[in-house]
Amino acid sequence: MAIRVKVRDGQVTNKAFYVGVGVSVTGERDILGIWAGGSGGVAKYWLAVLDEVKNRGVVNVFITVCDGLRGLPESINQVWKEATVQTCVIHLLRNTFRYAALQDWDAISQSDPPRVRGG
């Protein structure tokens, strides 16, 4: 998850801060860290971040949910070989608008989700 913050560094700019949240098998949540963006989402950056998390004691990662940051899924699988990487459902839905015509966006965003039959 990224939080956009206005940062003054000579001039005021918007900077992304990425928040890593972990959930244990018992359901306990913990903030694993907050990292300032700016590297453009390259694999080398994410590999360093994930190595830091692993060195601080995160032994096993079963499922990761992330957006489409370049290099992140590859880095996750390099650090934790058995981890399953899943794209965030909200990001998947948001990205579907790229494939629809602008005049259809309102209808798509207002439509009811599909219903499960027999349940």
PDB file of N, CA and C in Angstrom:
ATOM      1  N   MET A   1       0.850  -1.157   0.000  1.00  0.00           N
ATOM      2  CA  MET A   1       0.000   0.000   0.000  1.00  0.00           C
ATOM      3  C   MET A   1       0.903   1.227   0.000  1.00  0.00           C
ATOM      4  N   ALA A   2       0.559   2.217  -0.770  1.00  0.00           N
ATOM      5  CA  ALA A   2       1.335   3.451  -0.808  1.00  0.00           C
ATOM      6  C   ALA A   2       0.499   4.607  -0.282  1.00  0.00           C
ATOM      7  N   ILE A   3       1.158   5.450   0.465  1.00  0.00           N
ATOM      8  CA  ILE A   3       0.548   6.674   0.962  1.00  0.00           C
ATOM      9  C   ILE A   3       1.300   7.819   0.293  1.00  0.00           C
ATOM     10  N   ARG A   4       0.574   8.733  -0.333  1.00  0.00           N
ATOM     11  CA  ARG A   4       1.208   9.887  -0.985  1.00  0.00           C
ATOM     12  C   ARG A   4       1.272  11.029   0.015  1.00  0.00           C
ATOM     13  N   VAL A   5       2.476  11.568   0.205  1.00  0.00           N
ATOM     14  CA  VAL A   5       2.712  12.631   1.174  1.00  0.00           C
ATOM     15  C   VAL A   5       3.445  13.771   0.483  1.00  0.00           C
ATOM     16  N   LYS A   6       3.051  15.005   0.786  1.00  0.00           N
ATOM     17  CA  LYS A   6       3.786  16.163   0.268  1.00  0.00           C
ATOM     18  C   LYS A   6       5.053  16.317   1.089  1.00  0.00           C
ATOM     19  N   VAL A   7       6.201  16.336   0.410  1.00  0.00           N
ATOM     20  CA  VAL A   7       7.499  16.415   1.068  1.00  0.00           C
ATOM     21  C   VAL A   7       8.221  17.658   0.563  1.00  0.00           C
ATOM     22  N   ARG A   8       8.804  18.399   1.484  1.00  0.00           N
ATOM     23  CA  ARG A   8       9.583  19.577   1.106  1.00  0.00           C
ATOM     24  C   ARG A   8      11.058  19.197   1.128  1.00  0.00           C
ATOM     25  N   ASP A   9      11.656  19.158  -0.047  1.00  0.00           N
ATOM     26  CA  ASP A   9      13.079  18.869  -0.188  1.00  0.00           C
ATOM     27  C   ASP A   9      13.625  19.848  -1.219  1.00  0.00           C
ATOM     28  N   GLY A  10      13.732  21.122  -0.817  1.00  0.00           N
ATOM     29  CA  GLY A  10      14.070  22.181  -1.765  1.00  0.00           C
ATOM     30  C   GLY A  10      12.807  22.717  -2.406  1.00  0.00           C
ATOM     31  N   GLN A  11      11.948  21.806  -2.850  1.00  0.00           N
ATOM     32  CA  GLN A  11      10.640  22.166  -3.379  1.00  0.00           C
ATOM     33  C   GLN A  11       9.635  21.136  -2.873  1.00  0.00           C
ATOM     34  N   VAL A  12       8.375  21.461  -2.931  1.00  0.00           N
ATOM     35  CA  VAL A  12       7.338  20.552  -2.455  1.00  0.00           C
ATOM     36  C   VAL A  12       6.972  19.589  -3.579  1.00  0.00           C
ATOM     37  N   THR A  13       7.065  18.296  -3.273  1.00  0.00           N
ATOM     38  CA  THR A  13       6.683  17.261  -4.233  1.00  0.00           C
ATOM     39  C   THR A  13       5.873  16.189  -3.517  1.00  0.00           C
ATOM     40  N   ASN A  14       5.092  15.459  -4.284  1.00  0.00           N
ATOM     41  CA  ASN A  14       4.376  14.306  -3.747  1.00  0.00           C
ATOM     42  C   ASN A  14       5.311  13.106  -3.801  1.00  0.00           C
ATOM     43  N   LYS A  15       5.437  12.399  -2.691  1.00  0.00           N
ATOM     44  CA  LYS A  15       6.306  11.231  -2.631  1.00  0.00           C
ATOM     45  C   LYS A  15       5.507  10.061  -2.087  1.00  0.00           C
ATOM     46  N   ALA A  16       5.735   8.894  -2.654  1.00  0.00           N
ATOM     47  CA  ALA A  16       5.042   7.693  -2.198  1.00  0.00           C
ATOM     48  C   ALA A  16       5.821   7.055  -1.050  1.00  0.00           C
ATOM     49  N   PHE A  17       5.089   6.699  -0.008  1.00  0.00           N
ATOM     50  CA  PHE A  17       5.641   5.923   1.090  1.00  0.00           C
ATOM     51  C   PHE A  17       4.896   4.596   1.109  1.00  0.00           C
ATOM     52  N   TYR A  18       5.644   3.504   0.997  1.00  0.00           N
ATOM     53  CA  TYR A  18       5.047   2.182   0.926  1.00  0.00           C
ATOM     54  C   TYR A  18       4.983   1.564   2.316  1.00  0.00           C
ATOM     55  N   VAL A  19       3.808   1.027   2.654  1.00  0.00           N
ATOM     56  CA  VAL A  19       3.578   0.429   3.964  1.00  0.00           C
ATOM     57  C   VAL A  19       3.450  -1.080   3.780  1.00  0.00           C
ATOM     58  N   GLY A  20       4.262  -1.825   4.513  1.00  0.00           N
ATOM     59  CA  GLY A  20       4.172  -3.283   4.499  1.00  0.00           C
ATOM     60  C   GLY A  20       3.424  -3.749   5.730  1.00  0.00           C
ATOM     61  N   VAL A  21       2.347  -4.492   5.517  1.00  0.00           N
ATOM     62  CA  VAL A  21       1.540  -5.007   6.621  1.00  0.00           C
ATOM     63  C   VAL A  21       1.555  -6.522   6.556  1.00  0.00           C
ATOM     64  N   GLY A  22       1.833  -7.150   7.690  1.00  0.00           N
ATOM     65  CA  GLY A  22       1.827  -8.600   7.774  1.00  0.00           C
ATOM     66  C   GLY A  22       0.662  -9.079   8.611  1.00  0.00           C
ATOM     67  N   VAL A  23       0.119 -10.233   8.255  1.00  0.00           N
ATOM     68  CA  VAL A  23      -0.946 -10.860   9.029  1.00  0.00           C
ATOM     69  C   VAL A  23      -0.478 -12.267   9.365  1.00  0.00           C
ATOM     70  N   SER A  24      -0.465 -12.591  10.657  1.00  0.00           N
ATOM     71  CA  SER A  24      -0.011 -13.917  11.089  1.00  0.00           C
ATOM     72  C   SER A  24      -1.100 -14.951  10.842  1.00  0.00           C
ATOM     73  N   VAL A  25      -0.766 -16.228  11.007  1.00  0.00           N
ATOM     74  CA  VAL A  25      -1.751 -17.291  10.806  1.00  0.00           C
ATOM     75  C   VAL A  25      -2.856 -17.238  11.848  1.00  0.00           C
ATOM     76  N   THR A  26      -2.624 -16.539  12.959  1.00  0.00           N
ATOM     77  CA  THR A  26      -3.656 -16.376  13.988  1.00  0.00           C
ATOM     78  C   THR A  26      -4.483 -15.108  13.767  1.00  0.00           C
ATOM     79  N   GLY A  27      -4.168 -14.337  12.721  1.00  0.00           N
ATOM     80  CA  GLY A  27      -4.940 -13.144  12.376  1.00  0.00           C
ATOM     81  C   GLY A  27      -4.404 -11.849  12.956  1.00  0.00           C
ATOM     82  N   GLU A  28      -3.267 -11.901  13.649  1.00  0.00           N
ATOM     83  CA  GLU A  28      -2.685 -10.680  14.205  1.00  0.00           C
ATOM     84  C   GLU A  28      -2.019  -9.878  13.098  1.00  0.00           C
ATOM     85  N   ARG A  29      -2.274  -8.562  13.093  1.00  0.00           N
ATOM     86  CA  ARG A  29      -1.690  -7.680  12.079  1.00  0.00           C
ATOM     87  C   ARG A  29      -0.510  -6.929  12.676  1.00  0.00           C
ATOM     88  N   ASP A  30       0.476  -6.679  11.828  1.00  0.00           N
ATOM     89  CA  ASP A  30       1.669  -5.965  12.268  1.00  0.00           C
ATOM     90  C   ASP A  30       2.204  -5.153  11.095  1.00  0.00           C
ATOM     91  N   ILE A  31       2.590  -3.914  11.365  1.00  0.00           N
ATOM     92  CA  ILE A  31       3.226  -3.107  10.320  1.00  0.00           C
ATOM     93  C   ILE A  31       4.686  -3.534  10.255  1.00  0.00           C
ATOM     94  N   LEU A  32       5.088  -4.020   9.098  1.00  0.00           N
ATOM     95  CA  LEU A  32       6.453  -4.507   8.911  1.00  0.00           C
ATOM     96  C   LEU A  32       7.428  -3.381   8.626  1.00  0.00           C
ATOM     97  N   GLY A  33       6.929  -2.278   8.117  1.00  0.00           N
ATOM     98  CA  GLY A  33       7.800  -1.144   7.838  1.00  0.00           C
ATOM     99  C   GLY A  33       7.150  -0.154   6.903  1.00  0.00           C
ATOM    100  N   ILE A  34       7.786   1.005   6.819  1.00  0.00           N
ATOM    101  CA  ILE A  34       7.371   2.058   5.891  1.00  0.00           C
ATOM    102  C   ILE A  34       8.626   2.477   5.134  1.00  0.00           C
ATOM    103  N   TRP A  35       8.550   2.452   3.811  1.00  0.00           N
ATOM    104  CA  TRP A  35       9.703   2.772   2.982  1.00  0.00           C
ATOM    105  C   TRP A  35       9.356   3.903   2.019  1.00  0.00           C
ATOM    106  N   ALA A  36      10.243   4.877   1.926  1.00  0.00           N
ATOM    107  CA  ALA A  36      10.054   5.992   0.999  1.00  0.00           C
ATOM    108  C   ALA A  36      10.315   5.511  -0.416  1.00  0.00           C
ATOM    109  N   GLY A  37       9.396   5.826  -1.303  1.00  0.00           N
ATOM    110  CA  GLY A  37       9.538   5.441  -2.703  1.00  0.00           C
ATOM    111  C   GLY A  37      10.493   6.368  -3.415  1.00  0.00           C
ATOM    112  N   GLY A  38      10.492   6.273  -4.716  1.00  0.00           N
ATOM    113  CA  GLY A  38      11.348   7.145  -5.505  1.00  0.00           C
ATOM    114  C   GLY A  38      12.274   6.373  -6.410  1.00  0.00           C
ATOM    115  N   SER A  39      12.303   5.055  -6.229  1.00  0.00           N
ATOM    116  CA  SER A  39      13.183   4.254  -7.076  1.00  0.00           C
ATOM    117  C   SER A  39      12.470   3.792  -8.341  1.00  0.00           C
ATOM    118  N   GLY A  40      11.180   4.092  -8.459  1.00  0.00           N
ATOM    119  CA  GLY A  40      10.447   3.700  -9.655  1.00  0.00           C
ATOM    120  C   GLY A  40       9.986   2.260  -9.626  1.00  0.00           C
ATOM    121  N   GLY A  41      10.140   1.570  -8.525  1.00  0.00           N
ATOM    122  CA  GLY A  41       9.647   0.208  -8.411  1.00  0.00           C
ATOM    123  C   GLY A  41      10.528  -0.830  -9.073  1.00  0.00           C
ATOM    124  N   VAL A  42      11.826  -0.673  -9.044  1.00  0.00           N
ATOM    125  CA  VAL A  42      12.716  -1.640  -9.674  1.00  0.00           C
ATOM    126  C   VAL A  42      12.979  -2.816  -8.743  1.00  0.00           C
ATOM    127  N   ALA A  43      13.303  -3.956  -9.326  1.00  0.00           N
ATOM    128  CA  ALA A  43      13.490  -5.196  -8.571  1.00  0.00           C
ATOM    129  C   ALA A  43      14.597  -5.079  -7.522  1.00  0.00           C
ATOM    130  N   LYS A  44      15.670  -4.383  -7.829  1.00  0.00           N
ATOM    131  CA  LYS A  44      16.794  -4.254  -6.895  1.00  0.00           C
ATOM    132  C   LYS A  44      16.354  -3.553  -5.604  1.00  0.00           C
ATOM    133  N   TYR A  45      15.530  -2.524  -5.730  1.00  0.00           N
ATOM    134  CA  TYR A  45      15.021  -1.797  -4.569  1.00  0.00           C
ATOM    135  C   TYR A  45      14.164  -2.719  -3.712  1.00  0.00           C
ATOM    136  N   TRP A  46      13.214  -3.432  -4.344  1.00  0.00           N
ATOM    137  CA  TRP A  46      12.313  -4.299  -3.594  1.00  0.00           C
ATOM    138  C   TRP A  46      13.054  -5.472  -2.981  1.00  0.00           C
ATOM    139  N   LEU A  47      14.068  -5.968  -3.640  1.00  0.00           N
ATOM    140  CA  LEU A  47      14.865  -7.058  -3.083  1.00  0.00           C
ATOM    141  C   LEU A  47      15.549  -6.603  -1.796  1.00  0.00           C
ATOM    142  N   ALA A  48      16.063  -5.387  -1.774  1.00  0.00           N
ATOM    143  CA  ALA A  48      16.691  -4.843  -0.558  1.00  0.00           C
ATOM    144  C   ALA A  48      15.670  -4.675   0.557  1.00  0.00           C
ATOM    145  N   VAL A  49      14.470  -4.190   0.224  1.00  0.00           N
ATOM    146  CA  VAL A  49      13.411  -4.012   1.217  1.00  0.00           C
ATOM    147  C   VAL A  49      13.004  -5.361   1.808  1.00  0.00           C
ATOM    148  N   LEU A  50      12.784  -6.358   0.948  1.00  0.00           N
ATOM    149  CA  LEU A  50      12.344  -7.666   1.427  1.00  0.00           C
ATOM    150  C   LEU A  50      13.433  -8.392   2.201  1.00  0.00           C
ATOM    151  N   ASP A  51      14.690  -8.215   1.809  1.00  0.00           N
ATOM    152  CA  ASP A  51      15.797  -8.781   2.580  1.00  0.00           C
ATOM    153  C   ASP A  51      15.845  -8.177   3.978  1.00  0.00           C
ATOM    154  N   GLU A  52      15.582  -6.877   4.067  1.00  0.00           N
ATOM    155  CA  GLU A  52      15.533  -6.205   5.366  1.00  0.00           C
ATOM    156  C   GLU A  52      14.438  -6.808   6.240  1.00  0.00           C
ATOM    157  N   VAL A  53      13.261  -7.026   5.654  1.00  0.00           N
ATOM    158  CA  VAL A  53      12.144  -7.616   6.403  1.00  0.00           C
ATOM    159  C   VAL A  53      12.503  -9.030   6.860  1.00  0.00           C
ATOM    160  N   LYS A  54      13.119  -9.802   5.987  1.00  0.00           N
ATOM    161  CA  LYS A  54      13.508 -11.172   6.339  1.00  0.00           C
ATOM    162  C   LYS A  54      14.569 -11.166   7.440  1.00  0.00           C
ATOM    163  N   ASN A  55      15.525 -10.258   7.353  1.00  0.00           N
ATOM    164  CA  ASN A  55      16.581 -10.179   8.365  1.00  0.00           C
ATOM    165  C   ASN A  55      16.052  -9.751   9.730  1.00  0.00           C
ATOM    166  N   ARG A  56      14.889  -9.091   9.740  1.00  0.00           N
ATOM    167  CA  ARG A  56      14.278  -8.686  11.011  1.00  0.00           C
ATOM    168  C   ARG A  56      13.388  -9.769  11.594  1.00  0.00           C
ATOM    169  N   GLY A  57      13.323 -10.953  10.947  1.00  0.00           N
ATOM    170  CA  GLY A  57      12.646 -12.080  11.573  1.00  0.00           C
ATOM    171  C   GLY A  57      11.446 -12.659  10.867  1.00  0.00           C
ATOM    172  N   VAL A  58      11.048 -12.141   9.712  1.00  0.00           N
ATOM    173  CA  VAL A  58       9.920 -12.738   8.991  1.00  0.00           C
ATOM    174  C   VAL A  58      10.448 -13.981   8.283  1.00  0.00           C
ATOM    175  N   VAL A  59      10.063 -15.146   8.801  1.00  0.00           N
ATOM    176  CA  VAL A  59      10.623 -16.407   8.315  1.00  0.00           C
ATOM    177  C   VAL A  59       9.876 -16.929   7.093  1.00  0.00           C
ATOM    178  N   ASN A  60       8.555 -17.051   7.213  1.00  0.00           N
ATOM    179  CA  ASN A  60       7.748 -17.610   6.135  1.00  0.00           C
ATOM    180  C   ASN A  60       6.723 -16.596   5.643  1.00  0.00           C
ATOM    181  N   VAL A  61       6.549 -16.541   4.349  1.00  0.00           N
ATOM    182  CA  VAL A  61       5.497 -15.741   3.735  1.00  0.00           C
ATOM    183  C   VAL A  61       4.721 -16.690   2.837  1.00  0.00           C
ATOM    184  N   PHE A  62       3.422 -16.795   3.092  1.00  0.00           N
ATOM    185  CA  PHE A  62       2.607 -17.726   2.320  1.00  0.00           C
ATOM    186  C   PHE A  62       1.918 -17.042   1.151  1.00  0.00           C
ATOM    187  N   ILE A  63       1.316 -15.882   1.408  1.00  0.00           N
ATOM    188  CA  ILE A  63       0.596 -15.139   0.368  1.00  0.00           C
ATOM    189  C   ILE A  63       0.984 -13.677   0.480  1.00  0.00           C
ATOM    190  N   THR A  64       1.265 -13.050  -0.647  1.00  0.00           N
ATOM    191  CA  THR A  64       1.475 -11.608  -0.672  1.00  0.00           C
ATOM    192  C   THR A  64       0.434 -11.007  -1.617  1.00  0.00           C
ATOM    193  N   VAL A  65      -0.079  -9.870  -1.216  1.00  0.00           N
ATOM    194  CA  VAL A  65      -1.034  -9.144  -2.040  1.00  0.00           C
ATOM    195  C   VAL A  65      -0.407  -7.795  -2.332  1.00  0.00           C
ATOM    196  N   CYS A  66      -0.232  -7.500  -3.604  1.00  0.00           N
ATOM    197  CA  CYS A  66       0.431  -6.250  -3.981  1.00  0.00           C
ATOM    198  C   CYS A  66      -0.164  -5.725  -5.278  1.00  0.00           C
ATOM    199  N   ASP A  67       0.199  -4.484  -5.590  1.00  0.00           N
ATOM    200  CA  ASP A  67      -0.248  -3.924  -6.854  1.00  0.00           C
ATOM    201  C   ASP A  67       0.786  -4.264  -7.923  1.00  0.00           C
ATOM    202  N   GLY A  68       0.727  -3.603  -9.026  1.00  0.00           N
ATOM    203  CA  GLY A  68       1.572  -3.952 -10.151  1.00  0.00           C
ATOM    204  C   GLY A  68       2.937  -3.285 -10.170  1.00  0.00           C
ATOM    205  N   LEU A  69       3.559  -3.110  -9.019  1.00  0.00           N
ATOM    206  CA  LEU A  69       4.881  -2.478  -8.999  1.00  0.00           C
ATOM    207  C   LEU A  69       5.902  -3.362  -9.709  1.00  0.00           C
ATOM    208  N   ARG A  70       6.634  -2.749 -10.628  1.00  0.00           N
ATOM    209  CA  ARG A  70       7.639  -3.472 -11.395  1.00  0.00           C
ATOM    210  C   ARG A  70       8.681  -4.103 -10.488  1.00  0.00           C
ATOM    211  N   GLY A  71       8.934  -5.389 -10.674  1.00  0.00           N
ATOM    212  CA  GLY A  71       9.987  -6.075  -9.948  1.00  0.00           C
ATOM    213  C   GLY A  71       9.585  -6.635  -8.600  1.00  0.00           C
ATOM    214  N   LEU A  72       8.437  -6.217  -8.061  1.00  0.00           N
ATOM    215  CA  LEU A  72       8.035  -6.683  -6.731  1.00  0.00           C
ATOM    216  C   LEU A  72       7.713  -8.176  -6.703  1.00  0.00           C
ATOM    217  N   PRO A  73       6.881  -8.708  -7.602  1.00  0.00           N
ATOM    218  CA  PRO A  73       6.596 -10.147  -7.547  1.00  0.00           C
ATOM    219  C   PRO A  73       7.844 -11.019  -7.685  1.00  0.00           C
ATOM    220  N   GLU A  74       8.753 -10.640  -8.567  1.00  0.00           N
ATOM    221  CA  GLU A  74       9.987 -11.412  -8.756  1.00  0.00           C
ATOM    222  C   GLU A  74      10.842 -11.379  -7.496  1.00  0.00           C
ATOM    223  N   SER A  75      10.908 -10.215  -6.858  1.00  0.00           N
ATOM    224  CA  SER A  75      11.698 -10.075  -5.643  1.00  0.00           C
ATOM    225  C   SER A  75      11.107 -10.888  -4.503  1.00  0.00           C
ATOM    226  N   ILE A  76       9.785 -10.911  -4.399  1.00  0.00           N
ATOM    227  CA  ILE A  76       9.126 -11.704  -3.361  1.00  0.00           C
ATOM    228  C   ILE A  76       9.484 -13.173  -3.525  1.00  0.00           C
ATOM    229  N   ASN A  77       9.378 -13.666  -4.753  1.00  0.00           N
ATOM    230  CA  ASN A  77       9.670 -15.078  -4.997  1.00  0.00           C
ATOM    231  C   ASN A  77      11.147 -15.406  -4.857  1.00  0.00           C
ATOM    232  N   GLN A  78      12.005 -14.428  -4.976  1.00  0.00           N
ATOM    233  CA  GLN A  78      13.424 -14.662  -4.774  1.00  0.00           C
ATOM    234  C   GLN A  78      13.757 -14.788  -3.280  1.00  0.00           C
ATOM    235  N   VAL A  79      13.084 -13.994  -2.450  1.00  0.00           N
ATOM    236  CA  VAL A  79      13.339 -14.015  -1.010  1.00  0.00           C
ATOM    237  C   VAL A  79      12.602 -15.169  -0.338  1.00  0.00           C
ATOM    238  N   TRP A  80      11.320 -15.358  -0.692  1.00  0.00           N
ATOM    239  CA  TRP A  80      10.519 -16.443  -0.128  1.00  0.00           C
ATOM    240  C   TRP A  80      10.025 -17.293  -1.287  1.00  0.00           C
ATOM    241  N   LYS A  81      10.713 -18.389  -1.547  1.00  0.00           N
ATOM    242  CA  LYS A  81      10.480 -19.233  -2.727  1.00  0.00           C
ATOM    243  C   LYS A  81       9.053 -19.787  -2.816  1.00  0.00           C
ATOM    244  N   GLU A  82       8.447 -20.091  -1.671  1.00  0.00           N
ATOM    245  CA  GLU A  82       7.129 -20.723  -1.654  1.00  0.00           C
ATOM    246  C   GLU A  82       5.967 -19.725  -1.622  1.00  0.00           C
ATOM    247  N   ALA A  83       6.258 -18.434  -1.593  1.00  0.00           N
ATOM    248  CA  ALA A  83       5.205 -17.421  -1.475  1.00  0.00           C
ATOM    249  C   ALA A  83       4.356 -17.358  -2.748  1.00  0.00           C
ATOM    250  N   THR A  84       3.064 -17.202  -2.552  1.00  0.00           N
ATOM    251  CA  THR A  84       2.136 -16.983  -3.653  1.00  0.00           C
ATOM    252  C   THR A  84       1.915 -15.479  -3.769  1.00  0.00           C
ATOM    253  N   VAL A  85       2.075 -14.947  -4.968  1.00  0.00           N
ATOM    254  CA  VAL A  85       1.890 -13.513  -5.195  1.00  0.00           C
ATOM    255  C   VAL A  85       0.547 -13.309  -5.885  1.00  0.00           C
ATOM    256  N   GLN A  86      -0.293 -12.482  -5.278  1.00  0.00           N
ATOM    257  CA  GLN A  86      -1.621 -12.189  -5.814  1.00  0.00           C
ATOM    258  C   GLN A  86      -1.751 -10.684  -6.000  1.00  0.00           C
ATOM    259  N   THR A  87      -2.322 -10.278  -7.126  1.00  0.00           N
ATOM    260  CA  THR A  87      -2.567  -8.860  -7.351  1.00  0.00           C
ATOM    261  C   THR A  87      -3.793  -8.438  -6.544  1.00  0.00           C
ATOM    262  N   CYS A  88      -3.707  -7.291  -5.919  1.00  0.00           N
ATOM    263  CA  CYS A  88      -4.798  -6.740  -5.124  1.00  0.00           C
ATOM    264  C   CYS A  88      -6.049  -6.616  -5.989  1.00  0.00           C
ATOM    265  N   VAL A  89      -7.186  -7.060  -5.463  1.00  0.00           N
ATOM    266  CA  VAL A  89      -8.437  -7.041  -6.213  1.00  0.00           C
ATOM    267  C   VAL A  89      -8.815  -5.617  -6.613  1.00  0.00           C
ATOM    268  N   ILE A  90      -8.599  -4.667  -5.734  1.00  0.00           N
ATOM    269  CA  ILE A  90      -8.928  -3.274  -6.056  1.00  0.00           C
ATOM    270  C   ILE A  90      -8.089  -2.794  -7.238  1.00  0.00           C
ATOM    271  N   HIS A  91      -6.795  -3.143  -7.247  1.00  0.00           N
ATOM    272  CA  HIS A  91      -5.946  -2.746  -8.368  1.00  0.00           C
ATOM    273  C   HIS A  91      -6.376  -3.454  -9.658  1.00  0.00           C
ATOM    274  N   LEU A  92      -6.789  -4.712  -9.557  1.00  0.00           N
ATOM    275  CA  LEU A  92      -7.273  -5.415 -10.745  1.00  0.00           C
ATOM    276  C   LEU A  92      -8.507  -4.726 -11.315  1.00  0.00           C
ATOM    277  N   LEU A  93      -9.453  -4.372 -10.441  1.00  0.00           N
ATOM    278  CA  LEU A  93     -10.661  -3.689 -10.908  1.00  0.00           C
ATOM    279  C   LEU A  93     -10.334  -2.331 -11.511  1.00  0.00           C
ATOM    280  N   ARG A  94      -9.467  -1.587 -10.833  1.00  0.00           N
ATOM    281  CA  ARG A  94      -9.103  -0.263 -11.318  1.00  0.00           C
ATOM    282  C   ARG A  94      -8.425  -0.356 -12.690  1.00  0.00           C
ATOM    283  N   ASN A  95      -7.614  -1.380 -12.885  1.00  0.00           N
ATOM    284  CA  ASN A  95      -6.901  -1.520 -14.157  1.00  0.00           C
ATOM    285  C   ASN A  95      -7.812  -1.954 -15.298  1.00  0.00           C
ATOM    286  N   THR A  96      -8.983  -2.526 -14.987  1.00  0.00           N
ATOM    287  CA  THR A  96      -9.898  -2.921 -16.060  1.00  0.00           C
ATOM    288  C   THR A  96     -10.450  -1.715 -16.810  1.00  0.00           C
ATOM    289  N   PHE A  97     -10.463  -0.558 -16.165  1.00  0.00           N
ATOM    290  CA  PHE A  97     -10.977   0.644 -16.826  1.00  0.00           C
ATOM    291  C   PHE A  97     -10.118   1.029 -18.030  1.00  0.00           C
ATOM    292  N   ARG A  98      -8.871   0.603 -18.060  1.00  0.00           N
ATOM    293  CA  ARG A  98      -8.010   0.891 -19.219  1.00  0.00           C
ATOM    294  C   ARG A  98      -8.567   0.296 -20.501  1.00  0.00           C
ATOM    295  N   TYR A  99      -9.307  -0.813 -20.364  1.00  0.00           N
ATOM    296  CA  TYR A  99      -9.779  -1.550 -21.531  1.00  0.00           C
ATOM    297  C   TYR A  99     -11.203  -1.186 -21.919  1.00  0.00           C
ATOM    298  N   ALA A 100     -11.813  -0.280 -21.190  1.00  0.00           N
ATOM    299  CA  ALA A 100     -13.179   0.137 -21.496  1.00  0.00           C
ATOM    300  C   ALA A 100     -13.166   1.562 -22.047  1.00  0.00           C
ATOM    301  N   ALA A 101     -14.158   1.857 -22.863  1.00  0.00           N
ATOM    302  CA  ALA A 101     -14.300   3.205 -23.398  1.00  0.00           C
ATOM    303  C   ALA A 101     -14.706   4.152 -22.273  1.00  0.00           C
ATOM    304  N   LEU A 102     -14.237   5.388 -22.341  1.00  0.00           N
ATOM    305  CA  LEU A 102     -14.498   6.380 -21.311  1.00  0.00           C
ATOM    306  C   LEU A 102     -15.988   6.544 -21.017  1.00  0.00           C
ATOM    307  N   GLN A 103     -16.821   6.506 -22.064  1.00  0.00           N
ATOM    308  CA  GLN A 103     -18.261   6.692 -21.853  1.00  0.00           C
ATOM    309  C   GLN A 103     -18.882   5.523 -21.084  1.00  0.00           C
ATOM    310  N   ASP A 104     -18.199   4.388 -20.971  1.00  0.00           N
ATOM    311  CA  ASP A 104     -18.723   3.225 -20.247  1.00  0.00           C
ATOM    312  C   ASP A 104     -18.261   3.162 -18.795  1.00  0.00           C
ATOM    313  N   TRP A 105     -17.347   4.015 -18.382  1.00  0.00           N
ATOM    314  CA  TRP A 105     -16.772   3.943 -17.034  1.00  0.00           C
ATOM    315  C   TRP A 105     -17.824   4.061 -15.938  1.00  0.00           C
ATOM    316  N   ASP A 106     -18.766   4.999 -16.100  1.00  0.00           N
ATOM    317  CA  ASP A 106     -19.779   5.200 -15.061  1.00  0.00           C
ATOM    318  C   ASP A 106     -20.646   3.952 -14.915  1.00  0.00           C
ATOM    319  N   ALA A 107     -21.057   3.374 -16.028  1.00  0.00           N
ATOM    320  CA  ALA A 107     -21.899   2.171 -15.982  1.00  0.00           C
ATOM    321  C   ALA A 107     -21.141   0.998 -15.355  1.00  0.00           C
ATOM    322  N   ILE A 108     -19.870   0.872 -15.671  1.00  0.00           N
ATOM    323  CA  ILE A 108     -19.069  -0.221 -15.114  1.00  0.00           C
ATOM    324  C   ILE A 108     -18.902  -0.050 -13.608  1.00  0.00           C
ATOM    325  N   SER A 109     -18.622   1.156 -13.171  1.00  0.00           N
ATOM    326  CA  SER A 109     -18.376   1.385 -11.751  1.00  0.00           C
ATOM    327  C   SER A 109     -19.642   1.264 -10.915  1.00  0.00           C
ATOM    328  N   GLN A 110     -20.820   1.428 -11.519  1.00  0.00           N
ATOM    329  CA  GLN A 110     -22.078   1.356 -10.787  1.00  0.00           C
ATOM    330  C   GLN A 110     -22.749  -0.017 -10.865  1.00  0.00           C
ATOM    331  N   SER A 111     -22.211  -0.915 -11.659  1.00  0.00           N
ATOM    332  CA  SER A 111     -22.886  -2.204 -11.841  1.00  0.00           C
ATOM    333  C   SER A 111     -22.773  -3.070 -10.587  1.00  0.00           C
ATOM    334  N   ASP A 112     -23.772  -3.928 -10.402  1.00  0.00           N
ATOM    335  CA  ASP A 112     -23.776  -4.853  -9.270  1.00  0.00           C
ATOM    336  C   ASP A 112     -22.754  -5.950  -9.517  1.00  0.00           C
ATOM    337  N   PRO A 113     -22.114  -6.426  -8.450  1.00  0.00           N
ATOM    338  CA  PRO A 113     -21.179  -7.540  -8.634  1.00  0.00           C
ATOM    339  C   PRO A 113     -21.946  -8.804  -9.025  1.00  0.00           C
ATOM    340  N   PRO A 114     -21.291  -9.750  -9.691  1.00  0.00           N
ATOM    341  CA  PRO A 114     -21.978 -10.972 -10.084  1.00  0.00           C
ATOM    342  C   PRO A 114     -22.435 -11.750  -8.846  1.00  0.00           C
ATOM    343  N   ARG A 115     -23.557 -12.383  -8.955  1.00  0.00           N
ATOM    344  CA  ARG A 115     -24.112 -13.140  -7.835  1.00  0.00           C
ATOM    345  C   ARG A 115     -23.751 -14.612  -7.982  1.00  0.00           C
ATOM    346  N   VAL A 116     -23.518 -15.263  -6.861  1.00  0.00           N
ATOM    347  CA  VAL A 116     -23.199 -16.689  -6.865  1.00  0.00           C
ATOM    348  C   VAL A 116     -24.503 -17.466  -6.802  1.00  0.00           C
ATOM    349  N   ARG A 117     -24.662 -18.381  -7.718  1.00  0.00           N
ATOM    350  CA  ARG A 117     -25.899 -19.172  -7.746  1.00  0.00           C
ATOM    351  C   ARG A 117     -25.796 -20.348  -6.778  1.00  0.00           C
ATOM    352  N   GLY A 118     -26.922 -20.714  -6.223  1.00  0.00           N
ATOM    353  CA  GLY A 118     -26.998 -21.891  -5.358  1.00  0.00           C
ATOM    354  C   GLY A 118     -26.402 -21.690  -3.987  1.00  0.00           C
ATOM    355  N   GLY A 119     -26.072 -20.463  -3.608  1.00  0.00           N
ATOM    356  CA  GLY A 119     -25.444 -20.253  -2.314  1.00  0.00           C
ATOM    357  C   GLY A 119     -26.132 -19.239  -1.562  1.00  0.00           C
TER     358      GLY A 119
END
